Amino acid sequence: MKNITQQEWEEKVAADKNAVILDVRTEQECMQGMLANAQCLDIFARDRFVAGLEKMDKSKSYYVYCRSGQRSASACQVMDQMGFANTYSLIGGISAWKGEIVK
C-alpha cells in the first residue's frame, strides 16, 4: 500500500490502463457522490467486502478512497494481505478532493 496525494492519484490513474477505483464508504455515502468510474464496496460490510475483493484481479492497480483516508488505508492493508499487487490510498479521502464528484 502507498498513500498518495490527489495529484499523484490523478497522474497514476490517467497513465494506468489497469486502474480500478474503489470507494470503500457505505452505500449511503456513495449515493451522495463518488469519484468518476468508482465502484462502491463498503468496508463495514466485512463479509461482502472480502467476497467482492475475492472476485477481483489481484494483478491490477487499485486506487482506494473513503471519506477521510482512514477506511481506505485499512482496506488497502486487507487487500495487501490478500495478495493484491498494487494498492493506493487517497490521502484525505473524498473530503479533501478538489475536482469532479459524480452523483
PDB file of N, CA and C in Angstrom:
ATOM      1  N   MET A   1       0.829  -1.178   0.000  1.00  0.00           N
ATOM      2  CA  MET A   1       0.000   0.000   0.000  1.00  0.00           C
ATOM      3  C   MET A   1       0.874   1.242   0.000  1.00  0.00           C
ATOM      4  N   LYS A   2       0.392   2.226  -0.730  1.00  0.00           N
ATOM      5  CA  LYS A   2       1.071   3.509  -0.728  1.00  0.00           C
ATOM      6  C   LYS A   2       0.012   4.591  -0.563  1.00  0.00           C
ATOM      7  N   ASN A   3       0.238   5.533   0.339  1.00  0.00           N
ATOM      8  CA  ASN A   3      -0.630   6.689   0.484  1.00  0.00           C
ATOM      9  C   ASN A   3      -0.213   7.709  -0.567  1.00  0.00           C
ATOM     10  N   ILE A   4      -1.183   8.216  -1.330  1.00  0.00           N
ATOM     11  CA  ILE A   4      -0.852   9.164  -2.388  1.00  0.00           C
ATOM     12  C   ILE A   4      -1.756  10.396  -2.314  1.00  0.00           C
ATOM     13  N   THR A   5      -1.230  11.498  -2.812  1.00  0.00           N
ATOM     14  CA  THR A   5      -1.969  12.754  -2.870  1.00  0.00           C
ATOM     15  C   THR A   5      -2.935  12.735  -4.056  1.00  0.00           C
ATOM     16  N   GLN A   6      -3.816  13.726  -4.098  1.00  0.00           N
ATOM     17  CA  GLN A   6      -4.735  13.812  -5.228  1.00  0.00           C
ATOM     18  C   GLN A   6      -3.981  13.978  -6.537  1.00  0.00           C
ATOM     19  N   GLN A   7      -2.936  14.783  -6.547  1.00  0.00           N
ATOM     20  CA  GLN A   7      -2.164  14.973  -7.772  1.00  0.00           C
ATOM     21  C   GLN A   7      -1.547  13.661  -8.237  1.00  0.00           C
ATOM     22  N   GLU A   8      -0.938  12.905  -7.312  1.00  0.00           N
ATOM     23  CA  GLU A   8      -0.359  11.605  -7.674  1.00  0.00           C
ATOM     24  C   GLU A   8      -1.453  10.662  -8.170  1.00  0.00           C
ATOM     25  N   TRP A   9      -2.595  10.668  -7.493  1.00  0.00           N
ATOM     26  CA  TRP A   9      -3.749   9.831  -7.862  1.00  0.00           C
ATOM     27  C   TRP A   9      -4.150  10.100  -9.306  1.00  0.00           C
ATOM     28  N   GLU A  10      -4.361  11.380  -9.624  1.00  0.00           N
ATOM     29  CA  GLU A  10      -4.815  11.743 -10.970  1.00  0.00           C
ATOM     30  C   GLU A  10      -3.795  11.343 -12.029  1.00  0.00           C
ATOM     31  N   GLU A  11      -2.516  11.548 -11.746  1.00  0.00           N
ATOM     32  CA  GLU A  11      -1.471  11.177 -12.701  1.00  0.00           C
ATOM     33  C   GLU A  11      -1.414   9.669 -12.903  1.00  0.00           C
ATOM     34  N   LYS A  12      -1.449   8.918 -11.808  1.00  0.00           N
ATOM     35  CA  LYS A  12      -1.359   7.459 -11.891  1.00  0.00           C
ATOM     36  C   LYS A  12      -2.579   6.856 -12.586  1.00  0.00           C
ATOM     37  N   VAL A  13      -3.774   7.306 -12.216  1.00  0.00           N
ATOM     38  CA  VAL A  13      -4.992   6.767 -12.825  1.00  0.00           C
ATOM     39  C   VAL A  13      -5.008   7.058 -14.334  1.00  0.00           C
ATOM     40  N   ALA A  14      -4.606   8.260 -14.717  1.00  0.00           N
ATOM     41  CA  ALA A  14      -4.588   8.629 -16.135  1.00  0.00           C
ATOM     42  C   ALA A  14      -3.613   7.764 -16.940  1.00  0.00           C
ATOM     43  N   ALA A  15      -2.519   7.363 -16.316  1.00  0.00           N
ATOM     44  CA  ALA A  15      -1.482   6.600 -17.019  1.00  0.00           C
ATOM     45  C   ALA A  15      -1.657   5.083 -16.897  1.00  0.00           C
ATOM     46  N   ASP A  16      -2.595   4.634 -16.081  1.00  0.00           N
ATOM     47  CA  ASP A  16      -2.731   3.212 -15.751  1.00  0.00           C
ATOM     48  C   ASP A  16      -3.988   2.628 -16.393  1.00  0.00           C
ATOM     49  N   LYS A  17      -3.812   1.859 -17.475  1.00  0.00           N
ATOM     50  CA  LYS A  17      -4.982   1.284 -18.141  1.00  0.00           C
ATOM     51  C   LYS A  17      -5.598   0.134 -17.339  1.00  0.00           C
ATOM     52  N   ASN A  18      -4.915  -0.323 -16.311  1.00  0.00           N
ATOM     53  CA  ASN A  18      -5.449  -1.370 -15.435  1.00  0.00           C
ATOM     54  C   ASN A  18      -5.956  -0.819 -14.105  1.00  0.00           C
ATOM     55  N   ALA A  19      -6.212   0.488 -14.056  1.00  0.00           N
ATOM     56  CA  ALA A  19      -6.651   1.116 -12.810  1.00  0.00           C
ATOM     57  C   ALA A  19      -8.079   0.700 -12.450  1.00  0.00           C
ATOM     58  N   VAL A  20      -8.271   0.371 -11.181  1.00  0.00           N
ATOM     59  CA  VAL A  20      -9.597   0.117 -10.632  1.00  0.00           C
ATOM     60  C   VAL A  20      -9.766   1.068  -9.458  1.00  0.00           C
ATOM     61  N   ILE A  21     -10.858   1.834  -9.462  1.00  0.00           N
ATOM     62  CA  ILE A  21     -11.103   2.808  -8.405  1.00  0.00           C
ATOM     63  C   ILE A  21     -12.168   2.249  -7.470  1.00  0.00           C
ATOM     64  N   LEU A  22     -11.818   2.153  -6.200  1.00  0.00           N
ATOM     65  CA  LEU A  22     -12.736   1.618  -5.188  1.00  0.00           C
ATOM     66  C   LEU A  22     -13.083   2.679  -4.160  1.00  0.00           C
ATOM     67  N   ASP A  23     -14.371   2.847  -3.928  1.00  0.00           N
ATOM     68  CA  ASP A  23     -14.893   3.693  -2.868  1.00  0.00           C
ATOM     69  C   ASP A  23     -15.327   2.742  -1.760  1.00  0.00           C
ATOM     70  N   VAL A  24     -14.688   2.805  -0.598  1.00  0.00           N
ATOM     71  CA  VAL A  24     -14.975   1.840   0.460  1.00  0.00           C
ATOM     72  C   VAL A  24     -15.898   2.407   1.542  1.00  0.00           C
ATOM     73  N   ARG A  25     -16.622   3.482   1.201  1.00  0.00           N
ATOM     74  CA  ARG A  25     -17.607   4.041   2.125  1.00  0.00           C
ATOM     75  C   ARG A  25     -18.890   3.215   2.078  1.00  0.00           C
ATOM     76  N   THR A  26     -19.854   3.577   2.916  1.00  0.00           N
ATOM     77  CA  THR A  26     -21.143   2.878   2.918  1.00  0.00           C
ATOM     78  C   THR A  26     -21.916   3.209   1.644  1.00  0.00           C
ATOM     79  N   GLU A  27     -22.910   2.400   1.330  1.00  0.00           N
ATOM     80  CA  GLU A  27     -23.719   2.657   0.144  1.00  0.00           C
ATOM     81  C   GLU A  27     -24.400   4.017   0.232  1.00  0.00           C
ATOM     82  N   GLN A  28     -24.849   4.400   1.430  1.00  0.00           N
ATOM     83  CA  GLN A  28     -25.487   5.700   1.605  1.00  0.00           C
ATOM     84  C   GLN A  28     -24.509   6.832   1.301  1.00  0.00           C
ATOM     85  N   GLU A  29     -23.276   6.694   1.755  1.00  0.00           N
ATOM     86  CA  GLU A  29     -22.259   7.705   1.457  1.00  0.00           C
ATOM     87  C   GLU A  29     -21.972   7.754  -0.042  1.00  0.00           C
ATOM     88  N   CYS A  30     -21.882   6.595  -0.668  1.00  0.00           N
ATOM     89  CA  CYS A  30     -21.612   6.540  -2.110  1.00  0.00           C
ATOM     90  C   CYS A  30     -22.710   7.235  -2.906  1.00  0.00           C
ATOM     91  N   MET A  31     -23.967   7.111  -2.461  1.00  0.00           N
ATOM     92  CA  MET A  31     -25.079   7.732  -3.172  1.00  0.00           C
ATOM     93  C   MET A  31     -25.003   9.257  -3.127  1.00  0.00           C
ATOM     94  N   GLN A  32     -24.245   9.813  -2.200  1.00  0.00           N
ATOM     95  CA  GLN A  32     -24.096  11.264  -2.098  1.00  0.00           C
ATOM     96  C   GLN A  32     -23.096  11.807  -3.125  1.00  0.00           C
ATOM     97  N   GLY A  33     -22.362  10.933  -3.761  1.00  0.00           N
ATOM     98  CA  GLY A  33     -21.398  11.323  -4.779  1.00  0.00           C
ATOM     99  C   GLY A  33     -20.127  10.520  -4.683  1.00  0.00           C
ATOM    100  N   MET A  34     -19.582  10.184  -5.849  1.00  0.00           N
ATOM    101  CA  MET A  34     -18.373   9.369  -5.924  1.00  0.00           C
ATOM    102  C   MET A  34     -17.428   9.955  -6.963  1.00  0.00           C
ATOM    103  N   LEU A  35     -16.201   9.500  -6.947  1.00  0.00           N
ATOM    104  CA  LEU A  35     -15.257   9.859  -7.998  1.00  0.00           C
ATOM    105  C   LEU A  35     -15.644   9.098  -9.269  1.00  0.00           C
ATOM    106  N   ALA A  36     -15.328   9.668 -10.414  1.00  0.00           N
ATOM    107  CA  ALA A  36     -15.683   9.053 -11.695  1.00  0.00           C
ATOM    108  C   ALA A  36     -15.131   7.639 -11.798  1.00  0.00           C
ATOM    109  N   ASN A  37     -15.936   6.746 -12.318  1.00  0.00           N
ATOM    110  CA  ASN A  37     -15.576   5.343 -12.588  1.00  0.00           C
ATOM    111  C   ASN A  37     -15.317   4.509 -11.338  1.00  0.00           C
ATOM    112  N   ALA A  38     -15.751   4.976 -10.176  1.00  0.00           N
ATOM    113  CA  ALA A  38     -15.524   4.225  -8.939  1.00  0.00           C
ATOM    114  C   ALA A  38     -16.586   3.152  -8.730  1.00  0.00           C
ATOM    115  N   GLN A  39     -16.176   2.095  -8.044  1.00  0.00           N
ATOM    116  CA  GLN A  39     -17.086   1.045  -7.593  1.00  0.00           C
ATOM    117  C   GLN A  39     -17.225   1.182  -6.087  1.00  0.00           C
ATOM    118  N   CYS A  40     -18.445   1.057  -5.589  1.00  0.00           N
ATOM    119  CA  CYS A  40     -18.677   1.153  -4.147  1.00  0.00           C
ATOM    120  C   CYS A  40     -18.589  -0.247  -3.542  1.00  0.00           C
ATOM    121  N   LEU A  41     -17.720  -0.398  -2.543  1.00  0.00           N
ATOM    122  CA  LEU A  41     -17.560  -1.672  -1.849  1.00  0.00           C
ATOM    123  C   LEU A  41     -17.337  -1.357  -0.365  1.00  0.00           C
ATOM    124  N   ASP A  42     -18.403  -1.401   0.405  1.00  0.00           N
ATOM    125  CA  ASP A  42     -18.436  -0.968   1.803  1.00  0.00           C
ATOM    126  C   ASP A  42     -17.539  -1.840   2.698  1.00  0.00           C
ATOM    127  N   ILE A  43     -16.502  -1.228   3.257  1.00  0.00           N
ATOM    128  CA  ILE A  43     -15.590  -1.974   4.132  1.00  0.00           C
ATOM    129  C   ILE A  43     -16.263  -2.388   5.438  1.00  0.00           C
ATOM    130  N   PHE A  44     -17.301  -1.655   5.851  1.00  0.00           N
ATOM    131  CA  PHE A  44     -18.005  -2.005   7.091  1.00  0.00           C
ATOM    132  C   PHE A  44     -18.853  -3.271   6.938  1.00  0.00           C
ATOM    133  N   ALA A  45     -19.245  -3.607   5.701  1.00  0.00           N
ATOM    134  CA  ALA A  45     -19.965  -4.858   5.433  1.00  0.00           C
ATOM    135  C   ALA A  45     -18.891  -5.906   5.155  1.00  0.00           C
ATOM    136  N   ARG A  46     -18.200  -6.308   6.202  1.00  0.00           N
ATOM    137  CA  ARG A  46     -16.959  -7.081   6.112  1.00  0.00           C
ATOM    138  C   ARG A  46     -17.036  -8.310   5.199  1.00  0.00           C
ATOM    139  N   ASP A  47     -18.063  -9.138   5.382  1.00  0.00           N
ATOM    140  CA  ASP A  47     -18.167 -10.355   4.570  1.00  0.00           C
ATOM    141  C   ASP A  47     -18.343 -10.032   3.092  1.00  0.00           C
ATOM    142  N   ARG A  48     -19.228  -9.065   2.779  1.00  0.00           N
ATOM    143  CA  ARG A  48     -19.435  -8.670   1.386  1.00  0.00           C
ATOM    144  C   ARG A  48     -18.186  -8.000   0.826  1.00  0.00           C
ATOM    145  N   PHE A  49     -17.504  -7.240   1.667  1.00  0.00           N
ATOM    146  CA  PHE A  49     -16.274  -6.569   1.241  1.00  0.00           C
ATOM    147  C   PHE A  49     -15.229  -7.596   0.797  1.00  0.00           C
ATOM    148  N   VAL A  50     -14.970  -8.574   1.647  1.00  0.00           N
ATOM    149  CA  VAL A  50     -13.976  -9.608   1.334  1.00  0.00           C
ATOM    150  C   VAL A  50     -14.428 -10.448   0.135  1.00  0.00           C
ATOM    151  N   ALA A  51     -15.720 -10.780   0.089  1.00  0.00           N
ATOM    152  CA  ALA A  51     -16.240 -11.566  -1.036  1.00  0.00           C
ATOM    153  C   ALA A  51     -16.075 -10.793  -2.348  1.00  0.00           C
ATOM    154  N   GLY A  52     -16.319  -9.483  -2.312  1.00  0.00           N
ATOM    155  CA  GLY A  52     -16.134  -8.651  -3.505  1.00  0.00           C
ATOM    156  C   GLY A  52     -14.685  -8.613  -3.940  1.00  0.00           C
ATOM    157  N   LEU A  53     -13.791  -8.490  -2.979  1.00  0.00           N
ATOM    158  CA  LEU A  53     -12.358  -8.468  -3.295  1.00  0.00           C
ATOM    159  C   LEU A  53     -11.897  -9.783  -3.903  1.00  0.00           C
ATOM    160  N   GLU A  54     -12.432 -10.891  -3.410  1.00  0.00           N
ATOM    161  CA  GLU A  54     -12.015 -12.201  -3.912  1.00  0.00           C
ATOM    162  C   GLU A  54     -12.331 -12.384  -5.391  1.00  0.00           C
ATOM    163  N   LYS A  55     -13.288 -11.620  -5.913  1.00  0.00           N
ATOM    164  CA  LYS A  55     -13.667 -11.717  -7.327  1.00  0.00           C
ATOM    165  C   LYS A  55     -12.808 -10.823  -8.220  1.00  0.00           C
ATOM    166  N   MET A  56     -11.962 -10.008  -7.624  1.00  0.00           N
ATOM    167  CA  MET A  56     -11.186  -9.032  -8.395  1.00  0.00           C
ATOM    168  C   MET A  56      -9.819  -9.568  -8.800  1.00  0.00           C
ATOM    169  N   ASP A  57      -9.297  -9.005  -9.884  1.00  0.00           N
ATOM    170  CA  ASP A  57      -7.994  -9.379 -10.428  1.00  0.00           C
ATOM    171  C   ASP A  57      -6.890  -8.746  -9.571  1.00  0.00           C
ATOM    172  N   LYS A  58      -6.148  -9.558  -8.862  1.00  0.00           N
ATOM    173  CA  LYS A  58      -5.134  -9.070  -7.931  1.00  0.00           C
ATOM    174  C   LYS A  58      -3.933  -8.426  -8.620  1.00  0.00           C
ATOM    175  N   SER A  59      -3.807  -8.619  -9.926  1.00  0.00           N
ATOM    176  CA  SER A  59      -2.659  -8.055 -10.635  1.00  0.00           C
ATOM    177  C   SER A  59      -2.900  -6.599 -11.074  1.00  0.00           C
ATOM    178  N   LYS A  60      -4.140  -6.124 -10.990  1.00  0.00           N
ATOM    179  CA  LYS A  60      -4.441  -4.743 -11.383  1.00  0.00           C
ATOM    180  C   LYS A  60      -4.039  -3.780 -10.267  1.00  0.00           C
ATOM    181  N   SER A  61      -4.056  -2.499 -10.579  1.00  0.00           N
ATOM    182  CA  SER A  61      -3.750  -1.464  -9.593  1.00  0.00           C
ATOM    183  C   SER A  61      -5.061  -0.932  -9.037  1.00  0.00           C
ATOM    184  N   TYR A  62      -5.150  -0.855  -7.708  1.00  0.00           N
ATOM    185  CA  TYR A  62      -6.375  -0.427  -7.038  1.00  0.00           C
ATOM    186  C   TYR A  62      -6.157   0.900  -6.333  1.00  0.00           C
ATOM    187  N   TYR A  63      -6.983   1.866  -6.706  1.00  0.00           N
ATOM    188  CA  TYR A  63      -6.950   3.208  -6.142  1.00  0.00           C
ATOM    189  C   TYR A  63      -8.163   3.303  -5.224  1.00  0.00           C
ATOM    190  N   VAL A  64      -7.900   3.406  -3.934  1.00  0.00           N
ATOM    191  CA  VAL A  64      -8.937   3.243  -2.923  1.00  0.00           C
ATOM    192  C   VAL A  64      -9.122   4.550  -2.151  1.00  0.00           C
ATOM    193  N   TYR A  65     -10.388   4.920  -1.944  1.00  0.00           N
ATOM    194  CA  TYR A  65     -10.662   6.117  -1.152  1.00  0.00           C
ATOM    195  C   TYR A  65     -11.892   5.916  -0.281  1.00  0.00           C
ATOM    196  N   CYS A  66     -12.033   6.785   0.710  1.00  0.00           N
ATOM    197  CA  CYS A  66     -13.186   6.807   1.596  1.00  0.00           C
ATOM    198  C   CYS A  66     -13.505   8.274   1.881  1.00  0.00           C
ATOM    199  N   ARG A  67     -14.056   8.555   3.032  1.00  0.00           N
ATOM    200  CA  ARG A  67     -14.380   9.944   3.361  1.00  0.00           C
ATOM    201  C   ARG A  67     -13.137  10.737   3.721  1.00  0.00           C
ATOM    202  N   SER A  68     -12.282  10.157   4.611  1.00  0.00           N
ATOM    203  CA  SER A  68     -11.141  10.940   5.108  1.00  0.00           C
ATOM    204  C   SER A  68      -9.781  10.270   4.954  1.00  0.00           C
ATOM    205  N   GLY A  69      -9.755   9.007   4.557  1.00  0.00           N
ATOM    206  CA  GLY A  69      -8.488   8.306   4.366  1.00  0.00           C
ATOM    207  C   GLY A  69      -8.230   7.174   5.346  1.00  0.00           C
ATOM    208  N   GLN A  70      -9.024   7.092   6.408  1.00  0.00           N
ATOM    209  CA  GLN A  70      -8.822   6.030   7.398  1.00  0.00           C
ATOM    210  C   GLN A  70      -9.265   4.662   6.876  1.00  0.00           C
ATOM    211  N   ARG A  71     -10.496   4.590   6.392  1.00  0.00           N
ATOM    212  CA  ARG A  71     -11.018   3.313   5.894  1.00  0.00           C
ATOM    213  C   ARG A  71     -10.268   2.829   4.667  1.00  0.00           C
ATOM    214  N   SER A  72      -9.866   3.757   3.800  1.00  0.00           N
ATOM    215  CA  SER A  72      -9.141   3.331   2.597  1.00  0.00           C
ATOM    216  C   SER A  72      -7.792   2.735   2.958  1.00  0.00           C
ATOM    217  N   ALA A  73      -7.127   3.287   3.975  1.00  0.00           N
ATOM    218  CA  ALA A  73      -5.852   2.711   4.426  1.00  0.00           C
ATOM    219  C   ALA A  73      -6.072   1.307   4.976  1.00  0.00           C
ATOM    220  N   SER A  74      -7.145   1.135   5.754  1.00  0.00           N
ATOM    221  CA  SER A  74      -7.473  -0.192   6.289  1.00  0.00           C
ATOM    222  C   SER A  74      -7.797  -1.165   5.163  1.00  0.00           C
ATOM    223  N   ALA A  75      -8.566  -0.690   4.179  1.00  0.00           N
ATOM    224  CA  ALA A  75      -8.927  -1.543   3.041  1.00  0.00           C
ATOM    225  C   ALA A  75      -7.686  -1.988   2.283  1.00  0.00           C
ATOM    226  N   CYS A  76      -6.753  -1.072   2.072  1.00  0.00           N
ATOM    227  CA  CYS A  76      -5.518  -1.421   1.368  1.00  0.00           C
ATOM    228  C   CYS A  76      -4.709  -2.453   2.149  1.00  0.00           C
ATOM    229  N   GLN A  77      -4.700  -2.346   3.453  1.00  0.00           N
ATOM    230  CA  GLN A  77      -3.982  -3.334   4.270  1.00  0.00           C
ATOM    231  C   GLN A  77      -4.602  -4.713   4.105  1.00  0.00           C
ATOM    232  N   VAL A  78      -5.935  -4.787   4.119  1.00  0.00           N
ATOM    233  CA  VAL A  78      -6.629  -6.062   3.908  1.00  0.00           C
ATOM    234  C   VAL A  78      -6.292  -6.597   2.518  1.00  0.00           C
ATOM    235  N   MET A  79      -6.339  -5.726   1.529  1.00  0.00           N
ATOM    236  CA  MET A  79      -6.053  -6.140   0.152  1.00  0.00           C
ATOM    237  C   MET A  79      -4.617  -6.637   0.016  1.00  0.00           C
ATOM    238  N   ASP A  80      -3.683  -5.944   0.651  1.00  0.00           N
ATOM    239  CA  ASP A  80      -2.282  -6.379   0.613  1.00  0.00           C
ATOM    240  C   ASP A  80      -2.140  -7.776   1.209  1.00  0.00           C
ATOM    241  N   GLN A  81      -2.830  -8.007   2.325  1.00  0.00           N
ATOM    242  CA  GLN A  81      -2.771  -9.330   2.972  1.00  0.00           C
ATOM    243  C   GLN A  81      -3.379 -10.415   2.092  1.00  0.00           C
ATOM    244  N   MET A  82      -4.332 -10.015   1.246  1.00  0.00           N
ATOM    245  CA  MET A  82      -4.983 -10.972   0.340  1.00  0.00           C
ATOM    246  C   MET A  82      -4.172 -11.200  -0.931  1.00  0.00           C
ATOM    247  N   GLY A  83      -3.068 -10.475  -1.103  1.00  0.00           N
ATOM    248  CA  GLY A  83      -2.201 -10.705  -2.251  1.00  0.00           C
ATOM    249  C   GLY A  83      -2.356  -9.736  -3.402  1.00  0.00           C
ATOM    250  N   PHE A  84      -3.040  -8.615  -3.190  1.00  0.00           N
ATOM    251  CA  PHE A  84      -3.150  -7.611  -4.247  1.00  0.00           C
ATOM    252  C   PHE A  84      -1.785  -6.969  -4.445  1.00  0.00           C
ATOM    253  N   ALA A  85      -1.393  -6.811  -5.711  1.00  0.00           N
ATOM    254  CA  ALA A  85      -0.041  -6.349  -6.029  1.00  0.00           C
ATOM    255  C   ALA A  85       0.160  -4.856  -5.790  1.00  0.00           C
ATOM    256  N   ASN A  86      -0.822  -4.030  -6.173  1.00  0.00           N
ATOM    257  CA  ASN A  86      -0.657  -2.582  -6.109  1.00  0.00           C
ATOM    258  C   ASN A  86      -1.908  -1.927  -5.540  1.00  0.00           C
ATOM    259  N   THR A  87      -1.790  -1.371  -4.335  1.00  0.00           N
ATOM    260  CA  THR A  87      -2.906  -0.655  -3.729  1.00  0.00           C
ATOM    261  C   THR A  87      -2.464   0.742  -3.332  1.00  0.00           C
ATOM    262  N   TYR A  88      -3.325   1.707  -3.585  1.00  0.00           N
ATOM    263  CA  TYR A  88      -3.039   3.110  -3.291  1.00  0.00           C
ATOM    264  C   TYR A  88      -4.210   3.711  -2.526  1.00  0.00           C
ATOM    265  N   SER A  89      -3.919   4.368  -1.429  1.00  0.00           N
ATOM    266  CA  SER A  89      -4.933   5.013  -0.608  1.00  0.00           C
ATOM    267  C   SER A  89      -4.837   6.527  -0.788  1.00  0.00           C
ATOM    268  N   LEU A  90      -5.988   7.159  -1.039  1.00  0.00           N
ATOM    269  CA  LEU A  90      -6.037   8.597  -1.259  1.00  0.00           C
ATOM    270  C   LEU A  90      -5.940   9.344   0.068  1.00  0.00           C
ATOM    271  N   ILE A  91      -4.899  10.133   0.226  1.00  0.00           N
ATOM    272  CA  ILE A  91      -4.710  10.934   1.436  1.00  0.00           C
ATOM    273  C   ILE A  91      -5.847  11.948   1.535  1.00  0.00           C
ATOM    274  N   GLY A  92      -6.523  11.979   2.676  1.00  0.00           N
ATOM    275  CA  GLY A  92      -7.598  12.942   2.896  1.00  0.00           C
ATOM    276  C   GLY A  92      -8.953  12.512   2.382  1.00  0.00           C
ATOM    277  N   GLY A  93      -8.997  11.440   1.600  1.00  0.00           N
ATOM    278  CA  GLY A  93     -10.258  10.916   1.088  1.00  0.00           C
ATOM    279  C   GLY A  93     -11.019  11.896   0.214  1.00  0.00           C
ATOM    280  N   ILE A  94     -12.297  11.584   0.006  1.00  0.00           N
ATOM    281  CA  ILE A  94     -13.128  12.418  -0.860  1.00  0.00           C
ATOM    282  C   ILE A  94     -13.400  13.776  -0.228  1.00  0.00           C
ATOM    283  N   SER A  95     -13.290  13.868   1.091  1.00  0.00           N
ATOM    284  CA  SER A  95     -13.498  15.152   1.780  1.00  0.00           C
ATOM    285  C   SER A  95     -12.491  16.203   1.328  1.00  0.00           C
ATOM    286  N   ALA A  96     -11.290  15.775   0.984  1.00  0.00           N
ATOM    287  CA  ALA A  96     -10.239  16.696   0.571  1.00  0.00           C
ATOM    288  C   ALA A  96     -10.143  16.830  -0.954  1.00  0.00           C
ATOM    289  N   TRP A  97     -10.979  16.100  -1.690  1.00  0.00           N
ATOM    290  CA  TRP A  97     -10.911  16.068  -3.153  1.00  0.00           C
ATOM    291  C   TRP A  97     -11.288  17.418  -3.738  1.00  0.00           C
ATOM    292  N   LYS A  98     -10.448  17.919  -4.595  1.00  0.00           N
ATOM    293  CA  LYS A  98     -10.700  19.170  -5.328  1.00  0.00           C
ATOM    294  C   LYS A  98     -10.925  18.795  -6.776  1.00  0.00           C
ATOM    295  N   GLY A  99     -12.158  18.681  -7.177  1.00  0.00           N
ATOM    296  CA  GLY A  99     -12.462  18.293  -8.550  1.00  0.00           C
ATOM    297  C   GLY A  99     -13.830  17.667  -8.636  1.00  0.00           C
ATOM    298  N   GLU A 100     -14.064  17.004  -9.760  1.00  0.00           N
ATOM    299  CA  GLU A 100     -15.377  16.457 -10.050  1.00  0.00           C
ATOM    300  C   GLU A 100     -15.763  15.304  -9.134  1.00  0.00           C
ATOM    301  N   ILE A 101     -17.006  15.371  -8.684  1.00  0.00           N
ATOM    302  CA  ILE A 101     -17.618  14.272  -7.946  1.00  0.00           C
ATOM    303  C   ILE A 101     -18.927  13.956  -8.677  1.00  0.00           C
ATOM    304  N   VAL A 102     -19.120  12.701  -9.025  1.00  0.00           N
ATOM    305  CA  VAL A 102     -20.255  12.260  -9.821  1.00  0.00           C
ATOM    306  C   VAL A 102     -21.373  11.781  -8.895  1.00  0.00           C
ATOM    307  N   LYS A 103     -22.591  12.171  -9.209  1.00  0.00           N
ATOM    308  CA  LYS A 103     -23.750  11.710  -8.402  1.00  0.00           C
ATOM    309  C   LYS A 103     -24.389  10.514  -9.037  1.00  0.00           C
TER     310      LYS A 103
END
